[in-house]
């Protein structure tokens, strides 16, 4: 069972990803048709479950990573259309930059870092729950 603080931390982090998801939907959502089984943007209560994008992160213990424990960022596009690698890279850069901007605001006093390792974006640094209160 996870602590209340851990659940609040992850819910706050999800809010960051939901905001980035919404921005990407606005920027790219009209460029690619949705997968036939994917609901349109805003149809479900959770942005992970509708629209073109699902941007989020999964915790990693950090084995084999020079950064140690943290979150591995996942960027998924729900389309049957081949999205060019250049566009995927552009989206990845935007996610990286927006995380760098938002994390210090969302988690004040926490020394969190955004890095790329082995082709994936990682969030790492001070993941402790001590002296942290959500600002959302």
N, C-alpha and C. Protein backbone atom coordinates (compact mmCIF):
# COMPACT_ATOMS: atom_id res chain seq x y z
N UNK A 1 0.84 -1.18 0.00
CA UNK A 1 0.00 0.00 0.00
C UNK A 1 0.89 1.24 0.00
N UNK A 2 0.56 2.18 -0.87
CA UNK A 2 1.33 3.42 -0.95
C UNK A 2 0.80 4.44 0.04
N UNK A 3 1.68 5.30 0.49
CA UNK A 3 1.28 6.32 1.45
C UNK A 3 0.45 7.41 0.76
N UNK A 4 -0.26 8.15 1.57
CA UNK A 4 -1.06 9.27 1.07
C UNK A 4 -0.16 10.29 0.37
N UNK A 5 1.03 10.53 0.94
CA UNK A 5 1.96 11.48 0.35
C UNK A 5 2.44 11.02 -1.02
N UNK A 6 2.74 9.72 -1.15
CA UNK A 6 3.19 9.18 -2.44
C UNK A 6 2.08 9.29 -3.48
N UNK A 7 0.86 9.02 -3.08
CA UNK A 7 -0.26 9.12 -4.02
C UNK A 7 -0.48 10.58 -4.44
N UNK A 8 -0.32 11.50 -3.48
CA UNK A 8 -0.47 12.93 -3.80
C UNK A 8 0.64 13.38 -4.75
N UNK A 9 1.87 12.93 -4.50
CA UNK A 9 3.02 13.26 -5.36
C UNK A 9 2.73 12.81 -6.80
N UNK A 10 2.31 11.57 -6.95
CA UNK A 10 2.07 11.03 -8.29
C UNK A 10 0.86 11.68 -8.95
N UNK A 11 -0.14 12.05 -8.19
CA UNK A 11 -1.30 12.75 -8.76
C UNK A 11 -0.88 14.14 -9.24
N UNK A 12 -0.01 14.80 -8.49
CA UNK A 12 0.49 16.11 -8.89
C UNK A 12 1.33 15.99 -10.16
N UNK A 13 2.19 14.97 -10.21
CA UNK A 13 3.00 14.72 -11.41
C UNK A 13 2.09 14.43 -12.61
N UNK A 14 1.03 13.67 -12.39
CA UNK A 14 0.08 13.38 -13.46
C UNK A 14 -0.55 14.66 -13.99
N UNK A 15 -0.80 15.62 -13.11
CA UNK A 15 -1.34 16.91 -13.54
C UNK A 15 -0.41 17.63 -14.50
N UNK A 16 0.89 17.52 -14.25
CA UNK A 16 1.89 18.10 -15.16
C UNK A 16 1.77 17.44 -16.53
N UNK A 17 1.70 16.12 -16.54
CA UNK A 17 1.60 15.40 -17.81
C UNK A 17 0.28 15.67 -18.52
N UNK A 18 -0.80 15.79 -17.77
CA UNK A 18 -2.09 16.09 -18.39
C UNK A 18 -2.06 17.46 -19.08
N UNK A 19 -1.38 18.44 -18.46
CA UNK A 19 -1.27 19.77 -19.07
C UNK A 19 -0.44 19.71 -20.35
N UNK A 20 0.66 18.96 -20.32
CA UNK A 20 1.49 18.81 -21.51
C UNK A 20 0.71 18.07 -22.59
N UNK A 21 -0.01 17.04 -22.21
CA UNK A 21 -0.85 16.28 -23.14
C UNK A 21 -1.83 17.21 -23.85
N UNK A 22 -2.49 18.08 -23.08
CA UNK A 22 -3.48 19.01 -23.66
C UNK A 22 -2.82 19.95 -24.66
N UNK A 23 -1.65 20.44 -24.34
CA UNK A 23 -0.94 21.33 -25.27
C UNK A 23 -0.57 20.61 -26.56
N UNK A 24 -0.08 19.39 -26.43
CA UNK A 24 0.28 18.62 -27.62
C UNK A 24 -0.95 18.29 -28.46
N UNK A 25 -2.07 18.00 -27.80
CA UNK A 25 -3.32 17.74 -28.53
C UNK A 25 -3.70 18.96 -29.36
N UNK A 26 -3.56 20.16 -28.78
CA UNK A 26 -3.88 21.38 -29.49
C UNK A 26 -2.94 21.58 -30.68
N UNK A 27 -1.66 21.31 -30.47
CA UNK A 27 -0.66 21.54 -31.51
C UNK A 27 -0.68 20.50 -32.63
N UNK A 28 -0.91 19.24 -32.28
CA UNK A 28 -0.76 18.15 -33.26
C UNK A 28 -2.02 17.32 -33.49
N UNK A 29 -3.02 17.49 -32.66
CA UNK A 29 -4.19 16.62 -32.70
C UNK A 29 -4.89 16.55 -34.04
N UNK A 30 -4.89 17.63 -34.78
CA UNK A 30 -5.55 17.64 -36.08
C UNK A 30 -4.71 17.10 -37.22
N UNK A 31 -3.46 16.77 -36.94
CA UNK A 31 -2.54 16.34 -38.00
C UNK A 31 -2.64 14.85 -38.32
N UNK A 32 -3.14 14.06 -37.39
CA UNK A 32 -3.17 12.60 -37.56
C UNK A 32 -4.52 12.07 -37.10
N UNK A 33 -5.08 11.16 -37.88
CA UNK A 33 -6.35 10.56 -37.48
C UNK A 33 -6.11 9.60 -36.31
N UNK A 34 -7.10 9.53 -35.45
CA UNK A 34 -7.00 8.64 -34.28
C UNK A 34 -7.11 7.18 -34.68
N UNK A 35 -6.52 6.34 -33.86
CA UNK A 35 -6.72 4.89 -34.00
C UNK A 35 -8.23 4.66 -33.90
N UNK A 36 -8.78 3.74 -34.70
CA UNK A 36 -10.24 3.53 -34.70
C UNK A 36 -10.84 3.20 -33.33
N UNK A 37 -10.07 2.61 -32.44
CA UNK A 37 -10.61 2.26 -31.12
C UNK A 37 -10.35 3.33 -30.06
N UNK A 38 -9.76 4.45 -30.45
CA UNK A 38 -9.43 5.51 -29.51
C UNK A 38 -10.50 6.59 -29.51
N UNK A 39 -11.07 6.92 -28.34
CA UNK A 39 -12.06 8.01 -28.27
C UNK A 39 -11.42 9.36 -28.59
N UNK A 40 -12.22 10.28 -29.09
CA UNK A 40 -11.75 11.63 -29.38
C UNK A 40 -11.35 12.34 -28.10
N UNK A 41 -10.55 13.37 -28.25
CA UNK A 41 -10.08 14.17 -27.12
C UNK A 41 -11.27 14.69 -26.30
N UNK A 42 -11.16 14.53 -24.98
CA UNK A 42 -12.16 15.05 -24.07
C UNK A 42 -13.38 14.17 -23.85
N UNK A 43 -13.43 13.03 -24.50
CA UNK A 43 -14.60 12.14 -24.36
C UNK A 43 -14.58 11.41 -23.02
N UNK A 44 -13.41 11.01 -22.56
CA UNK A 44 -13.31 10.29 -21.29
C UNK A 44 -12.94 11.27 -20.17
N UNK A 45 -12.98 10.80 -18.95
CA UNK A 45 -12.62 11.63 -17.80
C UNK A 45 -11.11 11.73 -17.62
N UNK A 46 -10.35 10.92 -18.34
CA UNK A 46 -8.91 10.87 -18.16
C UNK A 46 -8.21 11.10 -19.50
N UNK A 47 -7.39 12.15 -19.62
CA UNK A 47 -6.70 12.43 -20.88
C UNK A 47 -5.80 11.29 -21.37
N UNK A 48 -5.44 10.39 -20.48
CA UNK A 48 -4.63 9.23 -20.90
C UNK A 48 -5.42 8.33 -21.84
N UNK A 49 -6.74 8.38 -21.74
CA UNK A 49 -7.59 7.42 -22.42
C UNK A 49 -8.27 7.94 -23.67
N UNK A 50 -7.97 9.18 -24.06
CA UNK A 50 -8.60 9.71 -25.27
C UNK A 50 -7.64 10.64 -26.00
N UNK A 51 -8.01 11.00 -27.20
CA UNK A 51 -7.19 11.89 -28.00
C UNK A 51 -5.96 11.20 -28.56
N UNK A 52 -5.17 11.96 -29.29
CA UNK A 52 -4.00 11.42 -29.97
C UNK A 52 -2.89 11.02 -29.00
N UNK A 53 -2.74 11.78 -27.91
CA UNK A 53 -1.59 11.58 -27.03
C UNK A 53 -1.94 10.91 -25.71
N UNK A 54 -0.96 10.20 -25.19
CA UNK A 54 -0.93 9.72 -23.82
C UNK A 54 0.49 9.99 -23.35
N UNK A 55 0.66 11.03 -22.56
CA UNK A 55 1.97 11.40 -22.03
C UNK A 55 1.94 11.14 -20.54
N UNK A 56 2.89 10.36 -20.05
CA UNK A 56 2.94 10.03 -18.64
C UNK A 56 4.30 9.49 -18.27
N UNK A 57 4.39 8.91 -17.10
CA UNK A 57 5.66 8.38 -16.63
C UNK A 57 5.43 7.17 -15.74
N UNK A 58 6.42 6.32 -15.73
CA UNK A 58 6.40 5.14 -14.87
C UNK A 58 7.64 5.18 -13.98
N UNK A 59 7.46 4.85 -12.72
CA UNK A 59 8.60 4.85 -11.80
C UNK A 59 9.57 3.74 -12.18
N UNK A 60 10.85 4.05 -12.07
CA UNK A 60 11.92 3.08 -12.33
C UNK A 60 12.87 3.09 -11.14
N UNK A 61 13.24 1.91 -10.69
CA UNK A 61 14.20 1.81 -9.58
C UNK A 61 15.58 2.30 -10.00
N UNK A 62 15.81 2.40 -11.30
CA UNK A 62 17.05 2.99 -11.79
C UNK A 62 18.20 2.03 -11.95
N UNK A 63 17.95 0.74 -11.88
CA UNK A 63 19.04 -0.22 -12.08
C UNK A 63 19.57 -0.06 -13.50
N UNK A 64 20.86 0.12 -13.63
CA UNK A 64 21.48 0.29 -14.94
C UNK A 64 21.47 1.72 -15.44
N UNK A 65 20.89 2.63 -14.68
CA UNK A 65 20.85 4.03 -15.07
C UNK A 65 21.89 4.81 -14.28
N UNK A 66 22.57 5.72 -14.95
CA UNK A 66 23.54 6.56 -14.23
C UNK A 66 22.83 7.57 -13.32
N UNK A 67 21.52 7.74 -13.50
CA UNK A 67 20.77 8.70 -12.70
C UNK A 67 20.08 8.08 -11.48
N UNK A 68 20.04 6.77 -11.41
CA UNK A 68 19.39 6.11 -10.29
C UNK A 68 17.88 6.14 -10.41
N UNK A 69 17.18 6.04 -9.27
CA UNK A 69 15.72 5.98 -9.29
C UNK A 69 15.10 7.24 -9.90
N UNK A 70 13.95 7.07 -10.49
CA UNK A 70 13.25 8.20 -11.08
C UNK A 70 12.08 7.73 -11.90
N UNK A 71 11.64 8.58 -12.78
CA UNK A 71 10.51 8.27 -13.65
C UNK A 71 10.96 8.26 -15.10
N UNK A 72 10.51 7.27 -15.83
CA UNK A 72 10.77 7.18 -17.27
C UNK A 72 9.53 7.72 -17.96
N UNK A 73 9.73 8.73 -18.79
CA UNK A 73 8.62 9.39 -19.47
C UNK A 73 8.22 8.59 -20.71
N UNK A 74 6.92 8.42 -20.86
CA UNK A 74 6.37 7.70 -22.01
C UNK A 74 5.51 8.65 -22.83
N UNK A 75 5.75 8.68 -24.13
CA UNK A 75 4.97 9.50 -25.05
C UNK A 75 4.38 8.56 -26.08
N UNK A 76 3.07 8.42 -26.06
CA UNK A 76 2.40 7.50 -26.99
C UNK A 76 1.45 8.29 -27.88
N UNK A 77 1.45 7.94 -29.16
CA UNK A 77 0.52 8.51 -30.12
C UNK A 77 -0.40 7.40 -30.60
N UNK A 78 -1.70 7.63 -30.52
CA UNK A 78 -2.69 6.62 -30.88
C UNK A 78 -3.22 6.89 -32.29
N UNK A 79 -2.46 6.43 -33.27
CA UNK A 79 -2.83 6.58 -34.67
C UNK A 79 -2.28 5.41 -35.46
N UNK A 80 -2.92 5.10 -36.56
CA UNK A 80 -2.40 4.07 -37.46
C UNK A 80 -1.49 4.68 -38.52
N UNK A 81 -1.45 6.01 -38.56
CA UNK A 81 -0.62 6.72 -39.54
C UNK A 81 0.83 6.71 -39.06
N UNK A 82 1.74 6.53 -39.99
CA UNK A 82 3.16 6.57 -39.67
C UNK A 82 3.56 8.02 -39.39
N UNK A 83 3.93 8.30 -38.15
CA UNK A 83 4.37 9.64 -37.77
C UNK A 83 5.88 9.70 -38.01
N UNK A 84 6.33 10.63 -38.86
CA UNK A 84 7.76 10.70 -39.19
C UNK A 84 8.63 10.86 -37.94
N UNK A 85 9.79 10.26 -38.00
CA UNK A 85 10.73 10.31 -36.86
C UNK A 85 11.06 11.75 -36.49
N UNK A 86 11.12 12.63 -37.47
CA UNK A 86 11.42 14.04 -37.19
C UNK A 86 10.33 14.67 -36.33
N UNK A 87 9.09 14.31 -36.60
CA UNK A 87 7.97 14.84 -35.82
C UNK A 87 7.98 14.24 -34.42
N UNK A 88 8.25 12.94 -34.32
CA UNK A 88 8.34 12.30 -33.01
C UNK A 88 9.44 12.94 -32.16
N UNK A 89 10.56 13.23 -32.79
CA UNK A 89 11.68 13.86 -32.07
C UNK A 89 11.30 15.28 -31.64
N UNK A 90 10.62 16.01 -32.50
CA UNK A 90 10.16 17.36 -32.17
C UNK A 90 9.22 17.32 -30.96
N UNK A 91 8.32 16.36 -30.94
CA UNK A 91 7.39 16.20 -29.81
C UNK A 91 8.17 15.87 -28.53
N UNK A 92 9.14 14.98 -28.65
CA UNK A 92 9.96 14.59 -27.49
C UNK A 92 10.70 15.80 -26.92
N UNK A 93 11.26 16.63 -27.79
CA UNK A 93 11.97 17.84 -27.35
C UNK A 93 11.00 18.78 -26.62
N UNK A 94 9.81 18.93 -27.15
CA UNK A 94 8.82 19.80 -26.50
C UNK A 94 8.44 19.27 -25.12
N UNK A 95 8.24 17.97 -25.00
CA UNK A 95 7.92 17.38 -23.70
C UNK A 95 9.07 17.64 -22.73
N UNK A 96 10.30 17.41 -23.16
CA UNK A 96 11.50 17.63 -22.33
C UNK A 96 11.52 19.07 -21.83
N UNK A 97 11.38 20.03 -22.75
CA UNK A 97 11.45 21.44 -22.38
C UNK A 97 10.32 21.84 -21.43
N UNK A 98 9.15 21.32 -21.66
CA UNK A 98 8.01 21.67 -20.81
C UNK A 98 8.14 21.07 -19.41
N UNK A 99 8.72 19.89 -19.33
CA UNK A 99 8.99 19.31 -18.01
C UNK A 99 10.02 20.14 -17.27
N UNK A 100 11.08 20.55 -17.96
CA UNK A 100 12.10 21.39 -17.31
C UNK A 100 11.49 22.68 -16.76
N UNK A 101 10.53 23.22 -17.47
CA UNK A 101 9.89 24.47 -17.05
C UNK A 101 8.90 24.24 -15.91
N UNK A 102 8.12 23.18 -15.99
CA UNK A 102 7.01 22.98 -15.04
C UNK A 102 7.40 22.33 -13.72
N UNK A 103 8.35 21.43 -13.74
CA UNK A 103 8.67 20.70 -12.50
C UNK A 103 9.09 21.62 -11.36
N UNK A 104 9.96 22.62 -11.58
CA UNK A 104 10.33 23.49 -10.46
C UNK A 104 9.15 24.30 -9.91
N UNK A 105 8.20 24.61 -10.77
CA UNK A 105 7.02 25.36 -10.33
C UNK A 105 6.07 24.45 -9.56
N UNK A 106 5.91 23.24 -10.05
CA UNK A 106 4.96 22.30 -9.45
C UNK A 106 5.50 21.68 -8.17
N UNK A 107 6.81 21.48 -8.12
CA UNK A 107 7.45 20.87 -6.95
C UNK A 107 8.51 21.83 -6.40
N UNK A 108 8.08 22.98 -5.85
CA UNK A 108 9.04 23.96 -5.35
C UNK A 108 9.88 23.38 -4.21
N UNK A 109 11.15 23.72 -4.22
CA UNK A 109 12.04 23.24 -3.18
C UNK A 109 12.62 21.87 -3.45
N UNK A 110 12.15 21.20 -4.49
CA UNK A 110 12.67 19.88 -4.86
C UNK A 110 13.68 20.06 -5.98
N UNK A 111 14.81 19.40 -5.84
CA UNK A 111 15.81 19.43 -6.90
C UNK A 111 15.56 18.25 -7.84
N UNK A 112 14.72 18.51 -8.82
CA UNK A 112 14.38 17.49 -9.81
C UNK A 112 15.07 17.83 -11.12
N UNK A 113 15.48 16.80 -11.83
CA UNK A 113 16.20 16.99 -13.09
C UNK A 113 15.49 16.23 -14.20
N UNK A 114 15.57 16.77 -15.40
CA UNK A 114 15.07 16.11 -16.59
C UNK A 114 16.28 15.82 -17.46
N UNK A 115 16.46 14.56 -17.81
CA UNK A 115 17.62 14.15 -18.61
C UNK A 115 17.16 13.15 -19.65
N UNK A 116 18.01 12.98 -20.66
CA UNK A 116 17.76 11.94 -21.64
C UNK A 116 18.84 10.88 -21.48
N UNK A 117 18.41 9.64 -21.44
CA UNK A 117 19.34 8.52 -21.30
C UNK A 117 18.83 7.37 -22.16
N UNK A 118 19.69 6.88 -23.01
CA UNK A 118 19.33 5.75 -23.89
C UNK A 118 18.05 6.00 -24.67
N UNK A 119 17.88 7.23 -25.12
CA UNK A 119 16.73 7.56 -25.96
C UNK A 119 15.43 7.84 -25.24
N UNK A 120 15.45 7.82 -23.91
CA UNK A 120 14.22 8.11 -23.16
C UNK A 120 14.45 9.29 -22.22
N UNK A 121 13.37 10.00 -21.94
CA UNK A 121 13.41 11.11 -20.98
C UNK A 121 13.24 10.53 -19.59
N UNK A 122 14.09 11.00 -18.67
CA UNK A 122 14.01 10.55 -17.27
C UNK A 122 13.85 11.77 -16.36
N UNK A 123 13.06 11.60 -15.32
CA UNK A 123 12.94 12.59 -14.25
C UNK A 123 13.60 11.97 -13.03
N UNK A 124 14.56 12.67 -12.45
CA UNK A 124 15.30 12.10 -11.32
C UNK A 124 15.74 13.23 -10.40
N UNK A 125 16.28 12.86 -9.28
CA UNK A 125 16.72 13.84 -8.29
C UNK A 125 16.07 13.56 -6.95
N UNK A 126 15.68 14.63 -6.27
CA UNK A 126 15.09 14.52 -4.93
C UNK A 126 13.63 14.07 -5.04
N UNK A 127 13.44 12.77 -4.91
CA UNK A 127 12.09 12.20 -4.97
C UNK A 127 11.51 11.96 -3.58
N UNK A 128 12.19 12.45 -2.55
CA UNK A 128 11.70 12.24 -1.19
C UNK A 128 10.38 12.96 -0.99
N UNK A 129 9.60 12.44 -0.08
CA UNK A 129 8.31 13.03 0.23
C UNK A 129 8.39 13.95 1.43
N UNK A 130 9.56 14.05 2.03
CA UNK A 130 9.75 14.90 3.20
C UNK A 130 9.57 16.37 2.83
N UNK A 131 8.89 17.10 3.68
CA UNK A 131 8.73 18.54 3.52
C UNK A 131 8.19 18.94 2.16
N UNK A 132 7.31 18.13 1.63
CA UNK A 132 6.71 18.47 0.34
C UNK A 132 5.21 18.56 0.51
N UNK A 133 4.66 19.65 0.03
CA UNK A 133 3.21 19.84 0.04
C UNK A 133 2.83 20.29 -1.36
N UNK A 134 1.82 19.66 -1.92
CA UNK A 134 1.36 20.00 -3.26
C UNK A 134 0.95 21.46 -3.33
N UNK A 135 1.34 22.13 -4.41
CA UNK A 135 0.95 23.52 -4.63
C UNK A 135 -0.25 23.61 -5.57
N UNK A 136 -0.82 22.43 -5.90
CA UNK A 136 -1.96 22.46 -6.83
C UNK A 136 -3.27 22.59 -6.09
